[in-house]
Amino acid sequence: MISVTLICRRYGKTCSICPEGVSPRRSVRKIADKVYHITCFTCVTCKRQLSTGDLFYLLEDGRVICKQDLDESKYSGRLKS
């Protein structure tokens, strides 16, 4: 028996953060052309899991940063990684 994760890795979408496949049966977040596991959809700076309604910015590399950390990074002049 082939696992759903293996099938997703070969033929389907993979999470934009982790290398795992995204099962059609799992809840995901879709932003633009990116797909994220719910648990992977976290702010790159504070590591808080983002929920529906949270304001965030999508970085070019697919990572996300919450609005609060983005605002703070603007004042400090840099994004933390």
C-alpha atoms as a PDB file:
ATOM      1  CA  MET A   1       0.000   0.000   0.000  1.00  0.00           C
ATOM      2  CA  ILE A   2       1.345   3.450  -0.959  1.00  0.00           C
ATOM      3  CA  SER A   3       0.857   6.244   1.561  1.00  0.00           C
ATOM      4  CA  VAL A   4      -1.073   9.392   0.713  1.00  0.00           C
ATOM      5  CA  THR A   5       2.026  11.459   1.555  1.00  0.00           C
ATOM      6  CA  LEU A   6       4.093   9.558  -1.005  1.00  0.00           C
ATOM      7  CA  ILE A   7       1.425  10.069  -3.671  1.00  0.00           C
ATOM      8  CA  CYS A   8       1.300  13.809  -2.882  1.00  0.00           C
ATOM      9  CA  ARG A   9       5.071  14.061  -3.136  1.00  0.00           C
ATOM     10  CA  ARG A  10       5.041  12.426  -6.540  1.00  0.00           C
ATOM     11  CA  TYR A  11       1.925  13.880  -8.092  1.00  0.00           C
ATOM     12  CA  GLY A  12       0.398  16.607  -5.962  1.00  0.00           C
ATOM     13  CA  LYS A  13       1.114  19.755  -4.095  1.00  0.00           C
ATOM     14  CA  THR A  14       3.706  20.036  -1.387  1.00  0.00           C
ATOM     15  CA  CYS A  15       3.642  22.470   1.506  1.00  0.00           C
ATOM     16  CA  SER A  16       5.417  25.757   0.783  1.00  0.00           C
ATOM     17  CA  ILE A  17       7.230  25.540   4.139  1.00  0.00           C
ATOM     18  CA  CYS A  18       7.999  21.886   4.820  1.00  0.00           C
ATOM     19  CA  PRO A  19       8.866  19.179   2.284  1.00  0.00           C
ATOM     20  CA  GLU A  20       5.792  17.074   3.089  1.00  0.00           C
ATOM     21  CA  GLY A  21       3.027  16.448   0.603  1.00  0.00           C
ATOM     22  CA  VAL A  22      -0.433  17.903   1.127  1.00  0.00           C
ATOM     23  CA  SER A  23      -3.150  15.271   1.315  1.00  0.00           C
ATOM     24  CA  PRO A  24      -6.474  16.139  -0.315  1.00  0.00           C
ATOM     25  CA  ARG A  25      -8.107  15.075   2.971  1.00  0.00           C
ATOM     26  CA  ARG A  26      -6.212  17.569   5.181  1.00  0.00           C
ATOM     27  CA  SER A  27      -7.165  21.156   5.896  1.00  0.00           C
ATOM     28  CA  VAL A  28      -4.749  23.622   4.313  1.00  0.00           C
ATOM     29  CA  ARG A  29      -4.204  27.335   3.810  1.00  0.00           C
ATOM     30  CA  LYS A  30      -3.979  28.517   0.197  1.00  0.00           C
ATOM     31  CA  ILE A  31      -2.409  31.889  -0.494  1.00  0.00           C
ATOM     32  CA  ALA A  32      -1.838  32.930  -4.114  1.00  0.00           C
ATOM     33  CA  ASP A  33      -0.248  29.836  -5.696  1.00  0.00           C
ATOM     34  CA  LYS A  34       1.144  28.567  -2.357  1.00  0.00           C
ATOM     35  CA  VAL A  35      -0.277  25.775  -0.172  1.00  0.00           C
ATOM     36  CA  TYR A  36       0.496  25.342   3.532  1.00  0.00           C
ATOM     37  CA  HIS A  37      -0.323  22.764   6.179  1.00  0.00           C
ATOM     38  CA  ILE A  38      -2.324  24.496   8.914  1.00  0.00           C
ATOM     39  CA  THR A  39       0.516  23.851  11.382  1.00  0.00           C
ATOM     40  CA  CYS A  40       3.148  25.232   8.963  1.00  0.00           C
ATOM     41  CA  PHE A  41       1.291  28.509   8.392  1.00  0.00           C
ATOM     42  CA  THR A  42       3.248  30.439  11.034  1.00  0.00           C
ATOM     43  CA  CYS A  43       4.945  33.815  11.260  1.00  0.00           C
ATOM     44  CA  VAL A  44       8.624  33.549  10.374  1.00  0.00           C
ATOM     45  CA  THR A  45       9.557  35.889  13.227  1.00  0.00           C
ATOM     46  CA  CYS A  46       7.354  35.106  16.240  1.00  0.00           C
ATOM     47  CA  LYS A  47       6.433  31.541  15.151  1.00  0.00           C
ATOM     48  CA  ARG A  48       2.756  32.136  15.993  1.00  0.00           C
ATOM     49  CA  GLN A  49       0.332  30.006  13.978  1.00  0.00           C
ATOM     50  CA  LEU A  50      -1.762  32.328  11.826  1.00  0.00           C
ATOM     51  CA  SER A  51      -5.519  31.880  11.634  1.00  0.00           C
ATOM     52  CA  THR A  52      -8.319  33.032   9.367  1.00  0.00           C
ATOM     53  CA  GLY A  53      -8.636  36.795   9.710  1.00  0.00           C
ATOM     54  CA  ASP A  54      -5.049  37.400  10.846  1.00  0.00           C
ATOM     55  CA  LEU A  55      -3.218  40.051   8.847  1.00  0.00           C
ATOM     56  CA  PHE A  56       0.092  38.948   7.338  1.00  0.00           C
ATOM     57  CA  TYR A  57       2.503  39.578   4.486  1.00  0.00           C
ATOM     58  CA  LEU A  58       3.637  36.889   2.057  1.00  0.00           C
ATOM     59  CA  LEU A  59       7.406  37.052   1.514  1.00  0.00           C
ATOM     60  CA  GLU A  60       8.906  36.249  -1.890  1.00  0.00           C
ATOM     61  CA  ASP A  61      10.269  32.905  -0.686  1.00  0.00           C
ATOM     62  CA  GLY A  62       6.823  31.720   0.473  1.00  0.00           C
ATOM     63  CA  ARG A  63       7.307  32.405   4.174  1.00  0.00           C
ATOM     64  CA  VAL A  64       4.789  34.602   5.969  1.00  0.00           C
ATOM     65  CA  ILE A  65       5.191  37.339   8.571  1.00  0.00           C
ATOM     66  CA  CYS A  66       2.377  38.638  10.769  1.00  0.00           C
ATOM     67  CA  LYS A  67       1.426  42.310  10.499  1.00  0.00           C
ATOM     68  CA  GLN A  68       2.677  43.116  14.003  1.00  0.00           C
ATOM     69  CA  ASP A  69       6.157  41.731  13.283  1.00  0.00           C
ATOM     70  CA  LEU A  70       6.212  43.350   9.846  1.00  0.00           C
ATOM     71  CA  ASP A  71       5.389  46.724  11.400  1.00  0.00           C
ATOM     72  CA  GLU A  72       8.092  46.245  14.042  1.00  0.00           C
ATOM     73  CA  SER A  73      10.646  45.219  11.393  1.00  0.00           C
ATOM     74  CA  LYS A  74       9.898  48.381   9.400  1.00  0.00           C
ATOM     75  CA  TYR A  75      10.853  50.455  12.406  1.00  0.00           C
ATOM     76  CA  SER A  76      14.015  48.470  13.069  1.00  0.00           C
ATOM     77  CA  GLY A  77      14.930  48.452   9.359  1.00  0.00           C
ATOM     78  CA  ARG A  78      15.262  44.707   8.945  1.00  0.00           C
ATOM     79  CA  LEU A  79      13.347  41.449   8.815  1.00  0.00           C
ATOM     80  CA  LYS A  80      14.382  38.808  11.308  1.00  0.00           C
ATOM     81  CA  SER A  81      14.818  35.273  10.005  1.00  0.00           C
END
